[in-house]
Amino acid sequence: MSKPILPVITGPTASGKTIVAAHVASTLNGEVISADSRQVYRGMDLGTGKDLDDFIVDGKQVPYHLIDIAEPGYEYNVYEYQQDFSRAFADIAGRKKQAVLCGGTGLYVEAAIKGYRMKKVPEDPVLRAKLSQLPMETLTAMLSKLRPPHNITDTGDRKRLIRAIEIAVYENEHMHEVQNYPVFLPVVFAIAYPRNVIRERITRRLEQRLAEGMIDEVKKLLSSGIKPEQLSFYGLEYRYLTQYVNGQISYSEMFNALNTAIHQFAKRQMTWFRRMEKKGTKIHWIEGKLSLEEKVDIILHFKSLAKK
């Protein structure tokens, strides 16, 4: 039997991936699997840009997977994501539905479509001994270099921070060593805008999310018992909003710093996608200026593209 084909829709933050994926899935009577490292957490909606309303197409709910599956504070990682993705894909395929993968976390997208055979990360006593001698600021900087900012989900606790570095180092060294070839053929699409346009979209989206209550979301998470230093590790929005809520910076300082940081993050995402191309992943780039209908129509030809 021939392998099923998996359309993959990715791109930088604020590029409109979710609504496109939802319409593609709706047209195909399919279901969306998320590839976002932070949208797995419950109660973290506006800060992670879940855009759940986009899953309503023509008044009907498009089923989605791997969103809201973990509690804030839990250290969800790429190994667990790969296992969860495999189960979700098998479930969808088993019901004769079309799976559509959508998300901007490049590490998660690669873990899904490349079929890297991953395993739980063993303890590294030598590395731990070296890390134990370093100050928290140095450890935090090390982790931010090892993982994209939106993947950091660790607390200010030294033991957990060292474990996070241990996991990141192992993943970077071993993830690409052995492949367990996937049971599907991925066809990857990425939505891209000129840099000045994506910057404008990011700023407008940030303004909208703040107006919709992103600050209140942070206050609610803090009141639930999550420590400020812990919440700040969940990515750019939570880091700067926590500082604002705690009176460390002004509203304008928060907005300007966060806006700039998200722009920089989007640039790093594009660098990741270009690196994927250099490693052999064929990406079909879709111009962001096209209408929703045009984007969906391009992606609906994924079966013919899989043969090329």
C-alpha atoms as a PDB file:
ATOM      1  CA  MET A   1       0.000   0.000   0.000  1.00  0.00           C
ATOM      2  CA  SER A   2       1.221   3.508  -0.793  1.00  0.00           C
ATOM      3  CA  LYS A   3       1.906   5.876   2.061  1.00  0.00           C
ATOM      4  CA  PRO A   4      -0.689   8.529   2.919  1.00  0.00           C
ATOM      5  CA  ILE A   5       0.334  12.115   2.206  1.00  0.00           C
ATOM      6  CA  LEU A   6       0.539  14.688   4.992  1.00  0.00           C
ATOM      7  CA  PRO A   7       0.207  18.371   4.064  1.00  0.00           C
ATOM      8  CA  VAL A   8       2.262  20.531   6.418  1.00  0.00           C
ATOM      9  CA  ILE A   9       1.554  24.242   6.834  1.00  0.00           C
ATOM     10  CA  THR A  10       4.187  26.320   8.582  1.00  0.00           C
ATOM     11  CA  GLY A  11       5.649  29.817   8.548  1.00  0.00           C
ATOM     12  CA  PRO A  12       6.649  32.562  10.986  1.00  0.00           C
ATOM     13  CA  THR A  13       4.421  33.895  13.725  1.00  0.00           C
ATOM     14  CA  ALA A  14       1.494  36.090  12.566  1.00  0.00           C
ATOM     15  CA  SER A  15       1.593  34.648   9.042  1.00  0.00           C
ATOM     16  CA  GLY A  16      -1.948  33.263   9.260  1.00  0.00           C
ATOM     17  CA  LYS A  17      -1.147  29.545   9.275  1.00  0.00           C
ATOM     18  CA  THR A  18      -4.021  28.386  11.455  1.00  0.00           C
ATOM     19  CA  ILE A  19      -6.916  29.737   9.429  1.00  0.00           C
ATOM     20  CA  VAL A  20      -5.406  28.332   6.233  1.00  0.00           C
ATOM     21  CA  ALA A  21      -4.893  24.895   7.814  1.00  0.00           C
ATOM     22  CA  ALA A  22      -8.437  24.906   9.197  1.00  0.00           C
ATOM     23  CA  HIS A  23      -9.930  25.648   5.780  1.00  0.00           C
ATOM     24  CA  VAL A  24      -7.774  23.000   4.118  1.00  0.00           C
ATOM     25  CA  ALA A  25      -8.847  20.434   6.710  1.00  0.00           C
ATOM     26  CA  SER A  26     -12.492  21.475   6.386  1.00  0.00           C
ATOM     27  CA  THR A  27     -12.405  21.032   2.613  1.00  0.00           C
ATOM     28  CA  LEU A  28     -10.860  17.565   2.980  1.00  0.00           C
ATOM     29  CA  ASN A  29     -13.073  16.475   5.890  1.00  0.00           C
ATOM     30  CA  GLY A  30      -9.826  16.329   7.836  1.00  0.00           C
ATOM     31  CA  GLU A  31      -8.324  17.261  11.188  1.00  0.00           C
ATOM     32  CA  VAL A  32      -5.464  19.538  12.225  1.00  0.00           C
ATOM     33  CA  ILE A  33      -2.475  18.456  14.310  1.00  0.00           C
ATOM     34  CA  SER A  34      -0.697  21.374  15.982  1.00  0.00           C
ATOM     35  CA  ALA A  35       3.079  21.775  15.878  1.00  0.00           C
ATOM     36  CA  ASP A  36       3.423  24.547  18.437  1.00  0.00           C
ATOM     37  CA  SER A  37       5.541  24.090  21.533  1.00  0.00           C
ATOM     38  CA  ARG A  38       3.482  26.417  23.751  1.00  0.00           C
ATOM     39  CA  GLN A  39      -0.068  25.819  22.608  1.00  0.00           C
ATOM     40  CA  VAL A  40       0.057  22.458  24.380  1.00  0.00           C
ATOM     41  CA  TYR A  41      -0.557  24.335  27.665  1.00  0.00           C
ATOM     42  CA  ARG A  42      -4.029  24.926  29.049  1.00  0.00           C
ATOM     43  CA  GLY A  43      -4.940  28.426  30.174  1.00  0.00           C
ATOM     44  CA  MET A  44      -2.212  30.003  28.040  1.00  0.00           C
ATOM     45  CA  ASP A  45      -4.319  31.153  25.109  1.00  0.00           C
ATOM     46  CA  LEU A  46      -3.719  34.755  24.083  1.00  0.00           C
ATOM     47  CA  GLY A  47      -0.037  34.652  25.001  1.00  0.00           C
ATOM     48  CA  THR A  48       0.520  31.650  22.747  1.00  0.00           C
ATOM     49  CA  GLY A  49      -1.715  32.866  19.930  1.00  0.00           C
ATOM     50  CA  LYS A  50      -4.003  29.839  19.774  1.00  0.00           C
ATOM     51  CA  ASP A  51      -6.573  31.518  17.501  1.00  0.00           C
ATOM     52  CA  LEU A  52      -9.122  28.825  18.303  1.00  0.00           C
ATOM     53  CA  ASP A  53     -11.868  30.757  16.521  1.00  0.00           C
ATOM     54  CA  ASP A  54     -10.052  30.004  13.274  1.00  0.00           C
ATOM     55  CA  PHE A  55     -11.055  26.365  13.677  1.00  0.00           C
ATOM     56  CA  ILE A  56     -14.690  27.328  13.083  1.00  0.00           C
ATOM     57  CA  VAL A  57     -15.259  27.125   9.324  1.00  0.00           C
ATOM     58  CA  ASP A  58     -18.709  27.787   7.869  1.00  0.00           C
ATOM     59  CA  GLY A  59     -20.187  27.405  11.330  1.00  0.00           C
ATOM     60  CA  LYS A  60     -18.628  23.992  11.922  1.00  0.00           C
ATOM     61  CA  GLN A  61     -15.815  22.974  14.268  1.00  0.00           C
ATOM     62  CA  VAL A  62     -12.694  21.626  12.575  1.00  0.00           C
ATOM     63  CA  PRO A  63     -11.186  18.996  14.932  1.00  0.00           C
ATOM     64  CA  TYR A  64      -7.696  19.779  16.213  1.00  0.00           C
ATOM     65  CA  HIS A  65      -5.105  17.872  18.219  1.00  0.00           C
ATOM     66  CA  LEU A  66      -2.171  18.604  20.600  1.00  0.00           C
ATOM     67  CA  ILE A  67      -3.574  21.888  21.866  1.00  0.00           C
ATOM     68  CA  ASP A  68      -4.455  22.208  25.585  1.00  0.00           C
ATOM     69  CA  ILE A  69      -2.969  18.834  26.536  1.00  0.00           C
ATOM     70  CA  ALA A  70      -0.637  19.859  29.401  1.00  0.00           C
ATOM     71  CA  GLU A  71      -0.835  21.956  32.543  1.00  0.00           C
ATOM     72  CA  PRO A  72       1.291  25.115  32.904  1.00  0.00           C
ATOM     73  CA  GLY A  73       4.423  24.233  34.818  1.00  0.00           C
ATOM     74  CA  TYR A  74       4.813  20.832  33.210  1.00  0.00           C
ATOM     75  CA  GLU A  75       8.017  20.383  31.185  1.00  0.00           C
ATOM     76  CA  TYR A  76       6.606  19.161  27.889  1.00  0.00           C
ATOM     77  CA  ASN A  77       9.371  18.347  25.407  1.00  0.00           C
ATOM     78  CA  VAL A  78      10.019  17.334  21.814  1.00  0.00           C
ATOM     79  CA  TYR A  79      10.281  13.629  22.699  1.00  0.00           C
ATOM     80  CA  GLU A  80       6.760  13.688  24.122  1.00  0.00           C
ATOM     81  CA  TYR A  81       5.551  15.726  21.186  1.00  0.00           C
ATOM     82  CA  GLN A  82       6.810  13.142  18.709  1.00  0.00           C
ATOM     83  CA  GLN A  83       4.990  10.379  20.571  1.00  0.00           C
ATOM     84  CA  ASP A  84       1.787  12.427  20.795  1.00  0.00           C
ATOM     85  CA  PHE A  85       2.000  13.373  17.131  1.00  0.00           C
ATOM     86  CA  SER A  86       2.406   9.739  16.085  1.00  0.00           C
ATOM     87  CA  ARG A  87      -0.645   8.728  18.120  1.00  0.00           C
ATOM     88  CA  ALA A  88      -2.729  11.589  16.749  1.00  0.00           C
ATOM     89  CA  PHE A  89      -1.753  10.819  13.160  1.00  0.00           C
ATOM     90  CA  ALA A  90      -2.491   7.102  13.582  1.00  0.00           C
ATOM     91  CA  ASP A  91      -5.876   7.922  15.126  1.00  0.00           C
ATOM     92  CA  ILE A  92      -6.848  10.258  12.283  1.00  0.00           C
ATOM     93  CA  ALA A  93      -5.605   7.904   9.566  1.00  0.00           C
ATOM     94  CA  GLY A  94      -7.336   4.980  11.259  1.00  0.00           C
ATOM     95  CA  ARG A  95     -10.648   6.796  10.906  1.00  0.00           C
ATOM     96  CA  LYS A  96      -9.947   7.434   7.200  1.00  0.00           C
ATOM     97  CA  LYS A  97      -9.615  11.172   7.768  1.00  0.00           C
ATOM     98  CA  GLN A  98      -6.995  13.515   6.315  1.00  0.00           C
ATOM     99  CA  ALA A  99      -4.440  14.839   8.799  1.00  0.00           C
ATOM    100  CA  VAL A 100      -3.043  18.369   8.334  1.00  0.00           C
ATOM    101  CA  LEU A 101       0.018  19.416  10.344  1.00  0.00           C
ATOM    102  CA  CYS A 102       0.193  23.112  11.233  1.00  0.00           C
ATOM    103  CA  GLY A 103       2.580  25.106  13.400  1.00  0.00           C
ATOM    104  CA  GLY A 104       5.602  27.369  13.562  1.00  0.00           C
ATOM    105  CA  THR A 105       7.871  25.466  15.966  1.00  0.00           C
ATOM    106  CA  GLY A 106      10.471  24.204  13.526  1.00  0.00           C
ATOM    107  CA  LEU A 107      11.863  21.655  15.970  1.00  0.00           C
ATOM    108  CA  TYR A 108       8.434  20.057  16.367  1.00  0.00           C
ATOM    109  CA  VAL A 109       7.730  20.103  12.631  1.00  0.00           C
ATOM    110  CA  GLU A 110      11.017  18.347  11.930  1.00  0.00           C
ATOM    111  CA  ALA A 111      10.499  15.814  14.713  1.00  0.00           C
ATOM    112  CA  ALA A 112       7.168  14.903  13.125  1.00  0.00           C
ATOM    113  CA  ILE A 113       8.021  14.770   9.431  1.00  0.00           C
ATOM    114  CA  LYS A 114      11.568  13.419   9.612  1.00  0.00           C
ATOM    115  CA  GLY A 115      10.685  10.513  11.871  1.00  0.00           C
ATOM    116  CA  TYR A 116      13.763  10.872  14.053  1.00  0.00           C
ATOM    117  CA  ARG A 117      13.906   7.943  16.410  1.00  0.00           C
ATOM    118  CA  MET A 118      14.024   9.677  19.753  1.00  0.00           C
ATOM    119  CA  LYS A 119      14.145   8.395  23.295  1.00  0.00           C
ATOM    120  CA  LYS A 120      13.993   9.736  26.813  1.00  0.00           C
ATOM    121  CA  VAL A 121      17.096  11.699  27.662  1.00  0.00           C
ATOM    122  CA  PRO A 122      19.434   9.940  30.118  1.00  0.00           C
ATOM    123  CA  GLU A 123      21.181  11.780  32.917  1.00  0.00           C
ATOM    124  CA  ASP A 124      24.657  13.140  32.156  1.00  0.00           C
ATOM    125  CA  PRO A 125      26.569  13.383  35.467  1.00  0.00           C
ATOM    126  CA  VAL A 126      29.624  14.995  33.851  1.00  0.00           C
ATOM    127  CA  LEU A 127      27.564  17.765  32.257  1.00  0.00           C
ATOM    128  CA  ARG A 128      25.547  18.242  35.433  1.00  0.00           C
ATOM    129  CA  ALA A 129      28.724  18.670  37.473  1.00  0.00           C
ATOM    130  CA  LYS A 130      29.945  21.380  35.112  1.00  0.00           C
ATOM    131  CA  LEU A 131      26.606  23.166  35.059  1.00  0.00           C
ATOM    132  CA  SER A 132      26.254  23.085  38.835  1.00  0.00           C
ATOM    133  CA  GLN A 133      29.191  25.495  39.109  1.00  0.00           C
ATOM    134  CA  LEU A 134      27.576  28.160  36.920  1.00  0.00           C
ATOM    135  CA  PRO A 135      25.332  31.027  38.093  1.00  0.00           C
ATOM    136  CA  MET A 136      21.638  31.050  37.168  1.00  0.00           C
ATOM    137  CA  GLU A 137      22.106  33.907  34.703  1.00  0.00           C
ATOM    138  CA  THR A 138      24.667  31.899  32.739  1.00  0.00           C
ATOM    139  CA  LEU A 139      22.474  28.796  32.766  1.00  0.00           C
ATOM    140  CA  THR A 140      19.496  30.779  31.517  1.00  0.00           C
ATOM    141  CA  ALA A 141      21.569  32.271  28.698  1.00  0.00           C
ATOM    142  CA  MET A 142      22.845  28.807  27.751  1.00  0.00           C
ATOM    143  CA  LEU A 143      19.317  27.423  27.532  1.00  0.00           C
ATOM    144  CA  SER A 144      18.075  30.320  25.411  1.00  0.00           C
ATOM    145  CA  LYS A 145      20.851  29.610  22.891  1.00  0.00           C
ATOM    146  CA  LEU A 146      20.073  25.892  22.793  1.00  0.00           C
ATOM    147  CA  ARG A 147      16.342  26.334  22.221  1.00  0.00           C
ATOM    148  CA  PRO A 148      14.215  28.856  20.354  1.00  0.00           C
ATOM    149  CA  PRO A 149      12.737  31.325  22.900  1.00  0.00           C
ATOM    150  CA  HIS A 150       9.170  30.029  22.502  1.00  0.00           C
ATOM    151  CA  ASN A 151      10.303  26.527  23.455  1.00  0.00           C
ATOM    152  CA  ILE A 152      11.598  27.445  26.892  1.00  0.00           C
ATOM    153  CA  THR A 153       9.209  26.096  29.513  1.00  0.00           C
ATOM    154  CA  ASP A 154      11.400  25.802  32.582  1.00  0.00           C
ATOM    155  CA  THR A 155      11.359  27.471  35.983  1.00  0.00           C
ATOM    156  CA  GLY A 156      13.931  29.478  37.893  1.00  0.00           C
ATOM    157  CA  ASP A 157      14.683  26.385  39.926  1.00  0.00           C
ATOM    158  CA  ARG A 158      18.365  25.435  39.426  1.00  0.00           C
ATOM    159  CA  LYS A 159      17.756  21.670  39.300  1.00  0.00           C
ATOM    160  CA  ARG A 160      15.053  21.933  36.635  1.00  0.00           C
ATOM    161  CA  LEU A 161      17.052  24.479  34.650  1.00  0.00           C
ATOM    162  CA  ILE A 162      20.069  22.168  34.545  1.00  0.00           C
ATOM    163  CA  ARG A 163      17.832  19.293  33.466  1.00  0.00           C
ATOM    164  CA  ALA A 164      16.404  21.462  30.676  1.00  0.00           C
ATOM    165  CA  ILE A 165      19.929  22.199  29.410  1.00  0.00           C
ATOM    166  CA  GLU A 166      20.781  18.515  29.669  1.00  0.00           C
ATOM    167  CA  ILE A 167      17.760  17.641  27.516  1.00  0.00           C
ATOM    168  CA  ALA A 168      18.487  20.368  24.963  1.00  0.00           C
ATOM    169  CA  VAL A 169      22.134  19.353  24.593  1.00  0.00           C
ATOM    170  CA  TYR A 170      21.170  15.702  24.107  1.00  0.00           C
ATOM    171  CA  GLU A 171      18.483  16.544  21.558  1.00  0.00           C
ATOM    172  CA  ASN A 172      20.857  18.711  19.542  1.00  0.00           C
ATOM    173  CA  GLU A 173      23.523  15.995  19.525  1.00  0.00           C
ATOM    174  CA  HIS A 174      21.374  12.927  18.931  1.00  0.00           C
ATOM    175  CA  MET A 175      18.086  13.875  17.269  1.00  0.00           C
ATOM    176  CA  HIS A 176      19.438  13.532  13.743  1.00  0.00           C
ATOM    177  CA  GLU A 177      21.453  10.333  14.217  1.00  0.00           C
ATOM    178  CA  VAL A 178      18.900   7.610  13.466  1.00  0.00           C
ATOM    179  CA  GLN A 179      15.728   7.857  11.441  1.00  0.00           C
ATOM    180  CA  ASN A 180      12.617   5.777  11.798  1.00  0.00           C
ATOM    181  CA  TYR A 181      11.151   6.705   8.446  1.00  0.00           C
ATOM    182  CA  PRO A 182       7.587   8.016   8.829  1.00  0.00           C
ATOM    183  CA  VAL A 183       4.564   6.138   7.581  1.00  0.00           C
ATOM    184  CA  PHE A 184       3.497   9.112   5.466  1.00  0.00           C
ATOM    185  CA  LEU A 185       4.871  11.414   2.775  1.00  0.00           C
ATOM    186  CA  PRO A 186       5.027  15.027   3.980  1.00  0.00           C
ATOM    187  CA  VAL A 187       4.442  17.948   1.623  1.00  0.00           C
ATOM    188  CA  VAL A 188       5.572  21.137   3.327  1.00  0.00           C
ATOM    189  CA  PHE A 189       4.108  24.575   2.636  1.00  0.00           C
ATOM    190  CA  ALA A 190       5.209  27.815   4.286  1.00  0.00           C
ATOM    191  CA  ILE A 191       3.424  31.154   4.224  1.00  0.00           C
ATOM    192  CA  ALA A 192       5.789  34.096   3.882  1.00  0.00           C
ATOM    193  CA  TYR A 193       5.475  37.864   3.742  1.00  0.00           C
ATOM    194  CA  PRO A 194       8.093  40.546   3.049  1.00  0.00           C
ATOM    195  CA  ARG A 195       9.878  41.467   6.264  1.00  0.00           C
ATOM    196  CA  ASN A 196       8.211  44.886   6.573  1.00  0.00           C
ATOM    197  CA  VAL A 197       4.762  43.324   6.166  1.00  0.00           C
ATOM    198  CA  ILE A 198       5.304  40.600   8.770  1.00  0.00           C
ATOM    199  CA  ARG A 199       6.530  43.288  11.159  1.00  0.00           C
ATOM    200  CA  GLU A 200       3.281  45.217  10.668  1.00  0.00           C
ATOM    201  CA  ARG A 201       1.232  42.048  11.138  1.00  0.00           C
ATOM    202  CA  ILE A 202       3.087  41.197  14.349  1.00  0.00           C
ATOM    203  CA  THR A 203       2.490  44.663  15.785  1.00  0.00           C
ATOM    204  CA  ARG A 204      -1.228  44.634  14.912  1.00  0.00           C
ATOM    205  CA  ARG A 205      -1.623  41.151  16.353  1.00  0.00           C
ATOM    206  CA  LEU A 206       0.119  42.165  19.586  1.00  0.00           C
ATOM    207  CA  GLU A 207      -2.176  45.188  19.938  1.00  0.00           C
ATOM    208  CA  GLN A 208      -5.204  42.972  19.361  1.00  0.00           C
ATOM    209  CA  ARG A 209      -4.139  40.320  21.891  1.00  0.00           C
ATOM    210  CA  LEU A 210      -3.480  42.967  24.532  1.00  0.00           C
ATOM    211  CA  ALA A 211      -6.912  44.477  23.870  1.00  0.00           C
ATOM    212  CA  GLU A 212      -8.501  41.038  24.207  1.00  0.00           C
ATOM    213  CA  GLY A 213      -7.068  40.513  27.683  1.00  0.00           C
ATOM    214  CA  MET A 214      -3.568  39.085  27.503  1.00  0.00           C
ATOM    215  CA  ILE A 215      -2.549  40.996  30.622  1.00  0.00           C
ATOM    216  CA  ASP A 216      -5.492  39.530  32.535  1.00  0.00           C
ATOM    217  CA  GLU A 217      -4.450  36.080  31.340  1.00  0.00           C
ATOM    218  CA  VAL A 218      -1.015  36.585  32.900  1.00  0.00           C
ATOM    219  CA  LYS A 219      -2.545  37.850  36.144  1.00  0.00           C
ATOM    220  CA  LYS A 220      -4.791  34.754  36.276  1.00  0.00           C
ATOM    221  CA  LEU A 221      -1.836  32.423  35.740  1.00  0.00           C
ATOM    222  CA  LEU A 222       0.130  34.157  38.484  1.00  0.00           C
ATOM    223  CA  SER A 223      -2.821  34.004  40.885  1.00  0.00           C
ATOM    224  CA  SER A 224      -3.136  30.262  40.185  1.00  0.00           C
ATOM    225  CA  GLY A 225       0.211  29.697  41.878  1.00  0.00           C
ATOM    226  CA  ILE A 226       2.664  29.857  39.004  1.00  0.00           C
ATOM    227  CA  LYS A 227       5.717  31.817  40.127  1.00  0.00           C
ATOM    228  CA  PRO A 228       6.754  34.938  38.169  1.00  0.00           C
ATOM    229  CA  GLU A 229      10.175  33.481  37.380  1.00  0.00           C
ATOM    230  CA  GLN A 230       8.495  30.296  36.174  1.00  0.00           C
ATOM    231  CA  LEU A 231       5.974  32.070  33.933  1.00  0.00           C
ATOM    232  CA  SER A 232       8.669  34.216  32.363  1.00  0.00           C
ATOM    233  CA  PHE A 233      10.248  31.098  30.878  1.00  0.00           C
ATOM    234  CA  TYR A 234       7.171  30.374  28.761  1.00  0.00           C
ATOM    235  CA  GLY A 235       8.273  32.710  26.036  1.00  0.00           C
ATOM    236  CA  LEU A 236       8.469  36.329  25.103  1.00  0.00           C
ATOM    237  CA  GLU A 237       4.912  37.435  25.858  1.00  0.00           C
ATOM    238  CA  TYR A 238       4.863  35.947  29.340  1.00  0.00           C
ATOM    239  CA  ARG A 239       8.331  37.217  30.189  1.00  0.00           C
ATOM    240  CA  TYR A 240       7.611  40.863  29.417  1.00  0.00           C
ATOM    241  CA  LEU A 241       4.004  40.857  30.620  1.00  0.00           C
ATOM    242  CA  THR A 242       5.077  39.355  33.937  1.00  0.00           C
ATOM    243  CA  GLN A 243       7.606  42.162  34.340  1.00  0.00           C
ATOM    244  CA  TYR A 244       4.873  44.702  33.595  1.00  0.00           C
ATOM    245  CA  VAL A 245       2.322  43.142  35.962  1.00  0.00           C
ATOM    246  CA  ASN A 246       4.939  43.107  38.735  1.00  0.00           C
ATOM    247  CA  GLY A 247       5.730  46.795  38.196  1.00  0.00           C
ATOM    248  CA  GLN A 248       9.252  46.219  36.905  1.00  0.00           C
ATOM    249  CA  ILE A 249       8.643  48.026  33.607  1.00  0.00           C
ATOM    250  CA  SER A 250       6.066  50.466  32.258  1.00  0.00           C
ATOM    251  CA  TYR A 251       3.361  49.603  29.715  1.00  0.00           C
ATOM    252  CA  SER A 252       5.206  51.369  26.901  1.00  0.00           C
ATOM    253  CA  GLU A 253       8.474  49.656  27.846  1.00  0.00           C
ATOM    254  CA  MET A 254       6.705  46.304  27.858  1.00  0.00           C
ATOM    255  CA  PHE A 255       5.006  46.870  24.506  1.00  0.00           C
ATOM    256  CA  ASN A 256       8.096  48.149  22.697  1.00  0.00           C
ATOM    257  CA  ALA A 257      10.408  45.462  24.070  1.00  0.00           C
ATOM    258  CA  LEU A 258       7.930  42.680  23.373  1.00  0.00           C
ATOM    259  CA  ASN A 259       7.124  43.941  19.897  1.00  0.00           C
ATOM    260  CA  THR A 260      10.825  44.051  18.998  1.00  0.00           C
ATOM    261  CA  ALA A 261      11.484  40.622  20.513  1.00  0.00           C
ATOM    262  CA  ILE A 262       8.669  38.993  18.517  1.00  0.00           C
ATOM    263  CA  HIS A 263      10.028  40.561  15.319  1.00  0.00           C
ATOM    264  CA  GLN A 264      13.409  39.023  16.119  1.00  0.00           C
ATOM    265  CA  PHE A 265      11.795  35.680  16.857  1.00  0.00           C
ATOM    266  CA  ALA A 266      10.027  35.653  13.486  1.00  0.00           C
ATOM    267  CA  LYS A 267      13.371  36.266  11.822  1.00  0.00           C
ATOM    268  CA  ARG A 268      14.874  33.299  13.671  1.00  0.00           C
ATOM    269  CA  GLN A 269      11.939  31.153  12.583  1.00  0.00           C
ATOM    270  CA  MET A 270      12.672  31.996   8.947  1.00  0.00           C
ATOM    271  CA  THR A 271      16.315  31.059   9.532  1.00  0.00           C
ATOM    272  CA  TRP A 272      15.155  27.684  10.862  1.00  0.00           C
ATOM    273  CA  PHE A 273      13.011  27.043   7.789  1.00  0.00           C
ATOM    274  CA  ARG A 274      15.894  27.961   5.478  1.00  0.00           C
ATOM    275  CA  ARG A 275      18.084  25.540   7.388  1.00  0.00           C
ATOM    276  CA  MET A 276      15.468  22.829   6.860  1.00  0.00           C
ATOM    277  CA  GLU A 277      15.695  23.474   3.126  1.00  0.00           C
ATOM    278  CA  LYS A 278      19.470  23.187   3.182  1.00  0.00           C
ATOM    279  CA  LYS A 279      19.120  19.836   4.925  1.00  0.00           C
ATOM    280  CA  GLY A 280      16.892  18.521   2.159  1.00  0.00           C
ATOM    281  CA  THR A 281      13.324  19.427   3.121  1.00  0.00           C
ATOM    282  CA  LYS A 282      11.431  20.749   0.115  1.00  0.00           C
ATOM    283  CA  ILE A 283       9.325  23.739   1.130  1.00  0.00           C
ATOM    284  CA  HIS A 284       6.661  25.151  -1.181  1.00  0.00           C
ATOM    285  CA  TRP A 285       6.547  28.851  -0.350  1.00  0.00           C
ATOM    286  CA  ILE A 286       3.195  30.619  -0.574  1.00  0.00           C
ATOM    287  CA  GLU A 287       3.015  34.408  -0.859  1.00  0.00           C
ATOM    288  CA  GLY A 288       1.175  35.882   2.088  1.00  0.00           C
ATOM    289  CA  LYS A 289      -0.505  38.516  -0.078  1.00  0.00           C
ATOM    290  CA  LEU A 290      -2.629  35.848  -1.771  1.00  0.00           C
ATOM    291  CA  SER A 291      -6.224  35.502  -0.641  1.00  0.00           C
ATOM    292  CA  LEU A 292      -7.270  32.774   1.759  1.00  0.00           C
ATOM    293  CA  GLU A 293      -9.006  30.954  -1.097  1.00  0.00           C
ATOM    294  CA  GLU A 294      -5.870  31.086  -3.262  1.00  0.00           C
ATOM    295  CA  LYS A 295      -3.667  29.752  -0.472  1.00  0.00           C
ATOM    296  CA  VAL A 296      -6.070  26.910   0.248  1.00  0.00           C
ATOM    297  CA  ASP A 297      -6.290  26.051  -3.448  1.00  0.00           C
ATOM    298  CA  ILE A 298      -2.501  25.810  -3.743  1.00  0.00           C
ATOM    299  CA  ILE A 299      -2.283  23.486  -0.753  1.00  0.00           C
ATOM    300  CA  LEU A 300      -5.118  21.298  -2.009  1.00  0.00           C
ATOM    301  CA  HIS A 301      -2.764  20.205  -4.807  1.00  0.00           C
ATOM    302  CA  PHE A 302      -0.508  18.518  -2.239  1.00  0.00           C
ATOM    303  CA  LYS A 303      -1.032  15.054  -3.718  1.00  0.00           C
ATOM    304  CA  SER A 304       0.418  16.031  -7.083  1.00  0.00           C
ATOM    305  CA  LEU A 305       3.320  17.827  -5.403  1.00  0.00           C
ATOM    306  CA  ALA A 306       4.175  14.700  -3.399  1.00  0.00           C
ATOM    307  CA  LYS A 307       5.083  12.922  -6.633  1.00  0.00           C
ATOM    308  CA  LYS A 308       7.724  15.488  -7.557  1.00  0.00           C
END
